[in-house]
Amino acid sequence: MIHKPFDAVVVGAGPGGATAAYHLARRGYHTLVVDKAKFPREKVCGDGLTPRAVRVLQNMGVETDGPGWARAEGLRIVGAGVTLDLPWPDLATFPGYGLVRTRLDFDALVLDRARAAGATVWEETEVTKALVINGVVSGVEVKREDGSTELVKALVTIASDGAASRMGLSLGGRRLERRPMGVAVRAYYRSPRYKETYLESYLELWHGAELLPGYGWIFPLPDGTVNVGLGLLNTSPHFQNVDYKRLLRDWLAGFPADWELVPDNQIGKVRGGPLPMGFNRMPLARPGLMLVGDAAGVVNPFNGEGIAYAMETGAMAAEIGAIAIDAGDPWKLRLYPDRLKEAYEGYFVLGRAFVRAIGHAPVMGALTKYGLPNRRLMQFAFKVLGNLTDPRDGDAEDRLFNALCRMAPTLRRMVG
């Protein structure tokens, strides 16, 4: 069966895909979102939203007050015997707060925004293959819940199907092995400290006597629980041979008793997943197709943040998709990689260099030992790691870092 053509079909209804669908549907384009899951559904994540993500939500008209949200005033960094409470930077470009909400609720909420904007949503529907005509991706074949198959034609196809991205891989996509990859595990616990107003980041993860390149977190939720997890980078020699669940258990065993992070308070299983970072997937587009979010490998290599970048790339894909639809030309999607590079390339070049550096235990140890006691340095580092600077009219620190980001791609090409 061939379905009536859409202007755009979005494969994957997570935050990136739902954001792309929202912006396309809001512009009046006939947009379909397809996902094999039934929403709400659980997703492995830290559940924390930085001001970057909050800004995207505000641009979509999402109400971020109310009992479903926990507001985060900043980041508490713990390590080397030091605890620092760092408020979010005061910027014109971003709001001054973060949020926490489970992905179970959050993803369904963003998808509902796409529906409200006019997007058609098919849940419990599996994409079986891409429809390619004369080298151009022209839609997808899907299997519906009842087992029937349909061909869905569209001028624009957006793959937001996660780190595995069957859509991207089936069309010749590949992972760039030299670029960073992370893995994270998390669990939920009931805790009397769920009303904490700061996200907590712990910079000392140990494998025996060796300090690992990664961090642990505790993100309070409004329902009396906390999201507890840790992430590790593939620049560590232990990346392939660490028992992550055991590492999490051993790490939590050293926590103060007042958190009550004990087995009896654990809710559900420990779950984990990959973090594709810093443009480690290529190509980002081909005629008729764009990749967004984890499918495009755009997790922030500095801090492992993925939601904001999934939603931002979703909005950019909608912007370029609109150009292609208006022109009736799927080749216009070649503009998309340039749009992403304009937004992130310099920052990701620096992030990839940072990841390589902290993969060496002595570097990670020195940064923790000598950096944490310097509050001013850490406040600047907080802005850098969170990609939270004003692009124009910022302070001297903003101007310095923005200049470094602009120079980074050229310097990388010069040194090879």
Protein backbone atom coordinates (compact mmCIF):
# COMPACT_ATOMS: atom_id res chain seq x y z
CA MET A 1 0.00 0.00 0.00
CA ILE A 2 1.28 3.47 -0.86
CA HIS A 3 0.19 6.17 1.54
CA LYS A 4 -0.67 9.69 0.44
CA PRO A 5 2.65 11.59 0.24
CA PHE A 6 3.85 13.76 3.10
CA ASP A 7 6.11 16.77 2.86
CA ALA A 8 8.33 15.28 5.56
CA VAL A 9 8.59 12.01 7.45
CA VAL A 10 10.48 11.90 10.76
CA VAL A 11 11.86 8.53 11.87
CA GLY A 12 12.03 8.50 15.67
CA ALA A 13 9.82 10.47 18.06
CA GLY A 14 12.39 11.38 20.72
CA PRO A 15 13.15 15.03 21.51
CA GLY A 16 15.09 15.66 18.28
CA GLY A 17 12.50 14.13 15.99
CA ALA A 18 9.55 15.65 17.84
CA THR A 19 11.17 19.10 17.72
CA ALA A 20 11.78 18.80 13.98
CA ALA A 21 8.18 17.69 13.46
CA TYR A 22 6.86 20.53 15.62
CA HIS A 23 8.65 23.22 13.61
CA LEU A 24 7.74 21.70 10.24
CA ALA A 25 4.08 21.20 11.17
CA ARG A 26 3.86 24.68 12.67
CA ARG A 27 5.03 26.06 9.32
CA GLY A 28 2.12 24.22 7.69
CA TYR A 29 4.00 21.28 6.16
CA HIS A 30 2.31 17.86 6.04
CA THR A 31 4.53 16.01 8.52
CA LEU A 32 4.55 12.41 9.75
CA VAL A 33 6.40 11.11 12.83
CA VAL A 34 6.99 7.34 13.07
CA ASP A 35 8.24 5.45 16.13
CA LYS A 36 8.27 1.76 17.01
CA ALA A 37 7.48 2.52 20.67
CA LYS A 38 4.24 3.44 22.40
CA PHE A 39 4.57 6.72 24.32
CA PRO A 40 5.19 7.36 27.13
CA ARG A 41 8.18 5.03 27.17
CA GLU A 42 11.32 4.86 29.28
CA LYS A 43 14.63 6.15 27.94
CA VAL A 44 18.13 5.90 29.39
CA CYS A 45 19.28 9.41 30.29
CA GLY A 46 20.35 11.61 33.18
CA ASP A 47 17.07 13.56 32.79
CA GLY A 48 18.85 16.90 33.31
CA LEU A 49 18.13 19.89 31.09
CA THR A 50 20.62 22.76 30.93
CA PRO A 51 19.61 26.32 29.98
CA ARG A 52 20.34 25.38 26.34
CA ALA A 53 17.52 22.84 26.45
CA VAL A 54 15.26 25.19 28.39
CA ARG A 55 15.68 27.80 25.66
CA VAL A 56 14.54 25.30 23.01
CA LEU A 57 11.48 24.46 25.10
CA GLN A 58 10.67 28.14 25.49
CA ASN A 59 10.90 28.59 21.71
CA MET A 60 8.34 25.79 21.36
CA GLY A 61 5.97 27.39 23.87
CA VAL A 62 6.37 24.61 26.43
CA GLU A 63 5.31 25.60 29.94
CA THR A 64 8.25 24.81 32.24
CA ASP A 65 6.61 25.55 35.58
CA GLY A 66 4.46 23.17 37.56
CA PRO A 67 4.68 19.97 39.57
CA GLY A 68 6.19 17.89 36.75
CA TRP A 69 9.42 19.89 36.75
CA ALA A 70 12.28 20.20 39.21
CA ARG A 71 14.12 23.49 38.77
CA ALA A 72 17.91 23.47 38.97
CA GLU A 73 19.63 26.69 40.00
CA GLY A 74 23.09 25.51 38.94
CA LEU A 75 25.67 22.79 39.30
CA ARG A 76 27.31 21.48 42.46
CA ILE A 77 30.75 20.07 41.64
CA VAL A 78 32.37 17.64 44.05
CA GLY A 79 35.92 16.34 43.89
CA ALA A 80 39.40 16.42 45.46
CA GLY A 81 37.86 17.29 48.82
CA VAL A 82 36.18 20.41 47.36
CA THR A 83 32.47 21.18 46.91
CA LEU A 84 31.51 24.14 44.72
CA ASP A 85 28.01 25.48 44.09
CA LEU A 86 28.08 27.19 40.70
CA PRO A 87 24.95 29.05 39.60
CA TRP A 88 24.13 29.09 35.90
CA PRO A 89 25.85 32.02 34.16
CA ASP A 90 23.89 35.25 33.80
CA LEU A 91 23.46 35.53 30.03
CA ALA A 92 21.26 37.38 27.58
CA THR A 93 21.06 34.35 25.26
CA PHE A 94 19.92 31.69 27.73
CA PRO A 95 17.56 31.49 30.71
CA GLY A 96 19.16 31.37 34.14
CA TYR A 97 17.89 27.96 35.21
CA GLY A 98 17.91 24.30 34.30
CA LEU A 99 15.27 21.63 34.75
CA VAL A 100 14.91 17.95 35.53
CA ARG A 101 12.11 15.69 34.35
CA THR A 102 12.11 11.97 33.58
CA ARG A 103 12.40 11.07 29.92
CA LEU A 104 9.28 8.97 30.40
CA ASP A 105 7.33 12.21 30.83
CA PHE A 106 9.52 14.60 28.90
CA ASP A 107 9.58 12.83 25.55
CA ALA A 108 5.81 12.34 25.57
CA LEU A 109 5.34 16.03 26.37
CA VAL A 110 7.52 17.19 23.44
CA LEU A 111 5.80 14.73 21.11
CA ASP A 112 2.43 16.12 22.19
CA ARG A 113 3.67 19.58 21.18
CA ALA A 114 4.35 18.22 17.69
CA ARG A 115 0.85 16.74 17.58
CA ALA A 116 -0.69 20.02 18.72
CA ALA A 117 1.19 21.82 15.94
CA GLY A 118 -0.44 19.51 13.38
CA ALA A 119 2.00 16.63 12.92
CA THR A 120 0.63 13.14 12.31
CA VAL A 121 2.11 10.58 14.73
CA TRP A 122 2.23 6.83 14.14
CA GLU A 123 3.33 5.00 17.27
CA GLU A 124 4.09 1.26 17.43
CA THR A 125 5.15 1.52 13.80
CA GLU A 126 8.49 0.18 12.63
CA VAL A 127 10.45 1.64 9.74
CA THR A 128 11.74 -1.35 7.78
CA LYS A 129 13.75 0.44 5.10
CA ALA A 130 14.30 3.69 3.29
CA LEU A 131 12.68 4.31 -0.07
CA VAL A 132 15.48 5.37 -2.45
CA ILE A 133 14.67 6.51 -5.97
CA ASN A 134 17.50 7.43 -8.35
CA GLY A 135 19.85 7.93 -5.42
CA VAL A 136 17.45 10.18 -3.51
CA VAL A 137 15.81 9.19 -0.22
CA SER A 138 12.14 9.63 -1.00
CA GLY A 139 10.40 8.26 2.09
CA VAL A 140 10.26 5.00 4.03
CA GLU A 141 8.58 1.63 4.19
CA VAL A 142 6.83 0.98 7.50
CA LYS A 143 5.25 -1.96 9.25
CA ARG A 144 2.13 -1.05 11.20
CA GLU A 145 1.01 -2.61 14.49
CA ASP A 146 -1.30 -5.01 12.65
CA GLY A 147 1.60 -6.31 10.53
CA SER A 148 0.63 -4.52 7.35
CA THR A 149 3.27 -2.60 5.38
CA GLU A 150 2.99 0.79 3.74
CA LEU A 151 5.20 2.97 1.58
CA VAL A 152 5.29 6.54 2.82
CA LYS A 153 6.63 9.00 0.27
CA ALA A 154 8.09 12.32 1.37
CA LEU A 155 10.36 14.93 -0.13
CA VAL A 156 12.26 15.22 3.17
CA THR A 157 13.15 12.35 5.51
CA ILE A 158 14.65 13.06 8.95
CA ALA A 159 16.41 10.25 10.83
CA SER A 160 16.24 10.80 14.58
CA ASP A 161 16.39 7.13 15.48
CA GLY A 162 19.09 7.28 18.13
CA ALA A 163 22.69 6.22 18.51
CA ALA A 164 22.22 2.97 16.58
CA SER A 165 20.45 4.82 13.71
CA ARG A 166 19.43 1.91 11.52
CA MET A 167 18.24 4.46 8.98
CA GLY A 168 21.62 6.18 8.75
CA LEU A 169 23.61 2.94 8.71
CA SER A 170 21.41 1.34 6.06
CA LEU A 171 22.21 4.24 3.74
CA GLY A 172 25.98 4.11 4.11
CA GLY A 173 26.42 6.08 7.32
CA ARG A 174 29.38 5.29 9.51
CA ARG A 175 30.93 6.08 12.85
CA LEU A 176 34.20 8.00 12.80
CA GLU A 177 36.29 5.79 15.07
CA ARG A 178 38.77 8.49 16.08
CA ARG A 179 36.06 10.73 17.44
CA PRO A 180 34.82 10.38 21.01
CA MET A 181 32.24 7.98 22.30
CA GLY A 182 30.89 7.66 25.80
CA VAL A 183 28.78 5.22 27.72
CA ALA A 184 26.50 6.02 30.63
CA VAL A 185 24.50 4.04 33.16
CA ARG A 186 21.81 5.28 35.49
CA ALA A 187 19.28 4.17 38.09
CA TYR A 188 16.50 5.78 40.11
CA TYR A 189 16.44 5.90 43.90
CA ARG A 190 14.01 7.18 46.47
CA SER A 191 15.90 9.77 48.52
CA PRO A 192 15.01 12.30 51.24
CA ARG A 193 17.29 14.78 49.45
CA TYR A 194 15.18 14.97 46.30
CA LYS A 195 14.42 18.63 46.97
CA GLU A 196 18.02 19.72 46.35
CA THR A 197 18.04 22.69 43.95
CA TYR A 198 21.42 22.01 42.34
CA LEU A 199 22.42 19.30 39.89
CA GLU A 200 25.33 17.39 41.40
CA SER A 201 28.45 16.30 39.49
CA TYR A 202 31.18 14.13 41.00
CA LEU A 203 34.52 14.30 39.21
CA GLU A 204 36.27 11.36 40.82
CA LEU A 205 35.51 7.95 39.39
CA TRP A 206 38.12 5.36 40.25
CA HIS A 207 39.08 2.04 38.69
CA GLY A 208 41.28 0.66 41.42
CA ALA A 209 43.94 3.34 41.93
CA GLU A 210 43.35 5.04 38.54
CA LEU A 211 41.19 8.11 38.05
CA LEU A 212 38.84 7.65 35.09
CA PRO A 213 37.83 10.28 32.47
CA GLY A 214 34.19 10.75 33.31
CA TYR A 215 31.88 11.84 36.09
CA GLY A 216 29.01 10.74 38.24
CA TRP A 217 25.80 12.64 38.81
CA ILE A 218 22.78 13.00 41.04
CA PHE A 219 19.84 14.88 39.54
CA PRO A 220 16.84 15.44 41.86
CA LEU A 221 13.35 14.80 40.49
CA PRO A 222 10.06 16.25 41.74
CA ASP A 223 8.50 12.88 42.61
CA GLY A 224 10.68 12.05 45.62
CA THR A 225 13.38 10.28 43.61
CA VAL A 226 16.81 11.08 42.20
CA ASN A 227 18.45 10.03 38.95
CA VAL A 228 21.89 8.65 39.79
CA GLY A 229 24.41 7.66 37.16
CA LEU A 230 27.88 7.88 35.71
CA GLY A 231 29.49 8.25 32.32
CA LEU A 232 32.88 7.25 30.97
CA LEU A 233 34.74 8.19 27.78
CA ASN A 234 36.32 5.84 25.27
CA THR A 235 39.63 7.68 25.67
CA SER A 236 40.08 5.62 28.83
CA PRO A 237 42.05 2.37 28.43
CA HIS A 238 39.39 0.82 30.69
CA PHE A 239 36.46 1.76 28.44
CA GLN A 240 35.92 -1.75 27.08
CA ASN A 241 36.60 -3.74 30.26
CA VAL A 242 34.82 -1.84 33.03
CA ASP A 243 31.77 -3.43 34.63
CA TYR A 244 29.68 -0.27 34.62
CA LYS A 245 26.95 -1.55 36.87
CA ARG A 246 29.52 -2.64 39.43
CA LEU A 247 31.34 0.70 39.10
CA LEU A 248 28.06 2.49 39.86
CA ARG A 249 27.38 0.23 42.83
CA ASP A 250 30.87 0.70 44.26
CA TRP A 251 30.70 4.46 43.76
CA LEU A 252 27.37 4.72 45.58
CA ALA A 253 28.66 2.65 48.48
CA GLY A 254 30.80 5.61 49.54
CA PHE A 255 27.96 8.15 49.64
CA PRO A 256 26.86 9.91 52.85
CA ALA A 257 24.09 8.03 54.61
CA ASP A 258 21.64 10.94 54.40
CA TRP A 259 21.19 10.34 50.65
CA GLU A 260 19.89 6.82 51.44
CA LEU A 261 21.15 5.48 48.11
CA VAL A 262 20.86 1.87 49.21
CA PRO A 263 19.56 -1.18 47.31
CA ASP A 264 16.20 -1.14 49.12
CA ASN A 265 15.54 2.35 47.73
CA GLN A 266 16.43 1.53 44.13
CA ILE A 267 13.53 1.70 41.66
CA GLY A 268 13.83 -0.51 38.59
CA LYS A 269 17.02 -1.73 36.98
CA VAL A 270 20.31 -0.06 36.20
CA ARG A 271 20.22 0.77 32.51
CA GLY A 272 22.87 2.09 30.15
CA GLY A 273 23.48 3.37 26.68
CA PRO A 274 26.03 4.94 24.30
CA LEU A 275 26.81 8.64 23.91
CA PRO A 276 27.97 9.46 20.33
CA MET A 277 29.88 12.73 20.60
CA GLY A 278 31.30 15.63 18.65
CA PHE A 279 30.11 14.82 15.09
CA ASN A 280 31.25 11.19 15.23
CA ARG A 281 28.71 10.12 12.57
CA MET A 282 29.00 10.83 8.86
CA PRO A 283 27.49 11.79 6.52
CA LEU A 284 25.05 14.12 8.26
CA ALA A 285 22.88 14.42 5.16
CA ARG A 286 22.35 13.08 1.65
CA PRO A 287 19.72 13.96 -0.96
CA GLY A 288 16.36 13.62 0.77
CA LEU A 289 17.76 12.74 4.22
CA MET A 290 19.09 14.53 7.33
CA LEU A 291 20.30 13.04 10.63
CA VAL A 292 19.56 14.73 13.96
CA GLY A 293 20.46 14.14 17.60
CA ASP A 294 22.29 10.96 18.56
CA ALA A 295 21.88 9.66 15.00
CA ALA A 296 24.16 12.54 13.95
CA GLY A 297 26.57 12.04 16.87
CA VAL A 298 26.09 15.52 18.32
CA VAL A 299 26.34 14.83 22.06
CA ASN A 300 28.50 17.52 23.71
CA PRO A 301 31.96 15.98 24.26
CA PHE A 302 32.68 18.33 27.14
CA ASN A 303 29.81 17.20 29.37
CA GLY A 304 27.81 14.41 27.72
CA GLU A 305 24.72 16.58 27.20
CA GLY A 306 22.51 15.26 24.42
CA ILE A 307 18.94 16.54 24.77
CA ALA A 308 19.67 20.18 23.94
CA TYR A 309 21.66 19.24 20.85
CA ALA A 310 19.04 16.77 19.68
CA MET A 311 16.38 19.46 19.89
CA GLU A 312 18.57 22.16 18.37
CA THR A 313 19.53 19.94 15.42
CA GLY A 314 15.87 19.02 15.06
CA ALA A 315 15.00 22.71 14.73
CA MET A 316 17.83 23.22 12.21
CA ALA A 317 16.69 20.21 10.19
CA ALA A 318 13.19 21.74 10.06
CA GLU A 319 14.68 25.02 8.87
CA ILE A 320 16.60 23.38 6.02
CA GLY A 321 13.76 20.96 5.30
CA ALA A 322 11.43 23.91 4.76
CA ILE A 323 13.82 25.32 2.15
CA ALA A 324 13.89 21.98 0.32
CA ILE A 325 10.11 21.53 0.43
CA ASP A 326 9.45 25.05 -0.82
CA ALA A 327 11.90 24.51 -3.69
CA GLY A 328 10.64 20.98 -4.39
CA ASP A 329 14.30 19.97 -4.36
CA PRO A 330 15.63 17.27 -2.00
CA TRP A 331 19.21 18.20 -2.99
CA LYS A 332 18.79 21.40 -0.96
CA LEU A 333 19.44 19.30 2.14
CA ARG A 334 23.16 19.63 1.34
CA LEU A 335 22.83 22.93 3.24
CA TYR A 336 22.24 21.04 6.48
CA PRO A 337 25.83 19.91 7.29
CA ASP A 338 27.04 23.48 6.76
CA ARG A 339 24.33 24.71 9.13
CA LEU A 340 25.48 22.28 11.81
CA LYS A 341 29.14 23.15 11.31
CA GLU A 342 28.32 26.83 11.63
CA ALA A 343 26.64 26.13 14.95
CA TYR A 344 29.02 23.58 16.50
CA GLU A 345 32.19 22.80 14.59
CA GLY A 346 34.65 24.99 16.50
CA TYR A 347 33.19 24.02 19.86
CA PHE A 348 33.28 20.32 19.01
CA VAL A 349 36.89 20.54 17.78
CA LEU A 350 37.86 21.92 21.19
CA GLY A 351 35.68 19.31 22.90
CA ARG A 352 37.36 16.46 21.06
CA ALA A 353 40.78 17.79 22.10
CA PHE A 354 39.58 18.03 25.70
CA VAL A 355 38.36 14.43 25.63
CA ARG A 356 41.70 13.19 24.33
CA ALA A 357 43.53 15.12 27.04
CA ILE A 358 41.53 13.84 30.00
CA GLY A 359 41.87 10.30 28.71
CA HIS A 360 45.31 10.45 30.33
CA ALA A 361 44.87 9.83 34.06
CA PRO A 362 47.59 12.33 35.12
CA VAL A 363 45.85 15.11 33.17
CA MET A 364 42.47 14.27 34.69
CA GLY A 365 44.07 14.17 38.15
CA ALA A 366 45.80 17.52 37.71
CA LEU A 367 42.64 19.22 36.45
CA THR A 368 40.72 17.91 39.43
CA LYS A 369 43.40 18.67 42.02
CA TYR A 370 44.42 22.15 40.87
CA GLY A 371 41.33 23.37 39.05
CA LEU A 372 38.59 22.70 41.60
CA PRO A 373 39.98 24.95 44.38
CA ASN A 374 39.96 27.94 42.00
CA ARG A 375 36.37 29.16 42.02
CA ARG A 376 36.79 31.77 39.28
CA LEU A 377 38.44 29.22 36.99
CA MET A 378 35.68 26.71 37.67
CA GLN A 379 32.94 29.25 36.95
CA PHE A 380 34.57 29.89 33.57
CA ALA A 381 35.00 26.15 32.99
CA PHE A 382 31.32 25.67 33.83
CA LYS A 383 30.37 28.07 31.02
CA VAL A 384 32.72 26.34 28.60
CA LEU A 385 31.64 22.79 29.44
CA GLY A 386 27.99 23.75 29.17
CA ASN A 387 28.47 25.76 25.94
CA LEU A 388 26.82 28.70 27.68
CA THR A 389 28.24 31.95 26.36
CA ASP A 390 26.70 34.97 24.73
CA PRO A 391 27.75 35.04 21.06
CA ARG A 392 27.61 38.83 20.96
CA ASP A 393 28.07 41.50 23.61
CA GLY A 394 29.27 38.93 26.14
CA ASP A 395 31.91 39.54 28.78
CA ALA A 396 35.66 39.14 28.21
CA GLU A 397 35.53 35.42 28.97
CA ASP A 398 32.75 34.91 26.43
CA ARG A 399 34.65 36.82 23.77
CA LEU A 400 37.82 34.84 24.46
CA PHE A 401 36.15 31.45 24.23
CA ASN A 402 34.05 32.38 21.21
CA ALA A 403 37.25 33.49 19.45
CA LEU A 404 38.86 30.13 20.28
CA CYS A 405 35.86 28.32 18.80
CA ARG A 406 36.12 30.34 15.59
CA MET A 407 39.85 29.63 15.30
CA ALA A 408 39.70 25.94 16.25
CA PRO A 409 38.78 24.45 12.83
CA THR A 410 41.57 26.39 11.09
CA LEU A 411 44.12 25.40 13.72
CA ARG A 412 43.07 21.76 13.43
CA ARG A 413 43.61 21.79 9.68
CA MET A 414 47.02 23.44 10.09
CA VAL A 415 48.30 20.84 12.56
CA GLY A 416 46.68 17.93 10.66
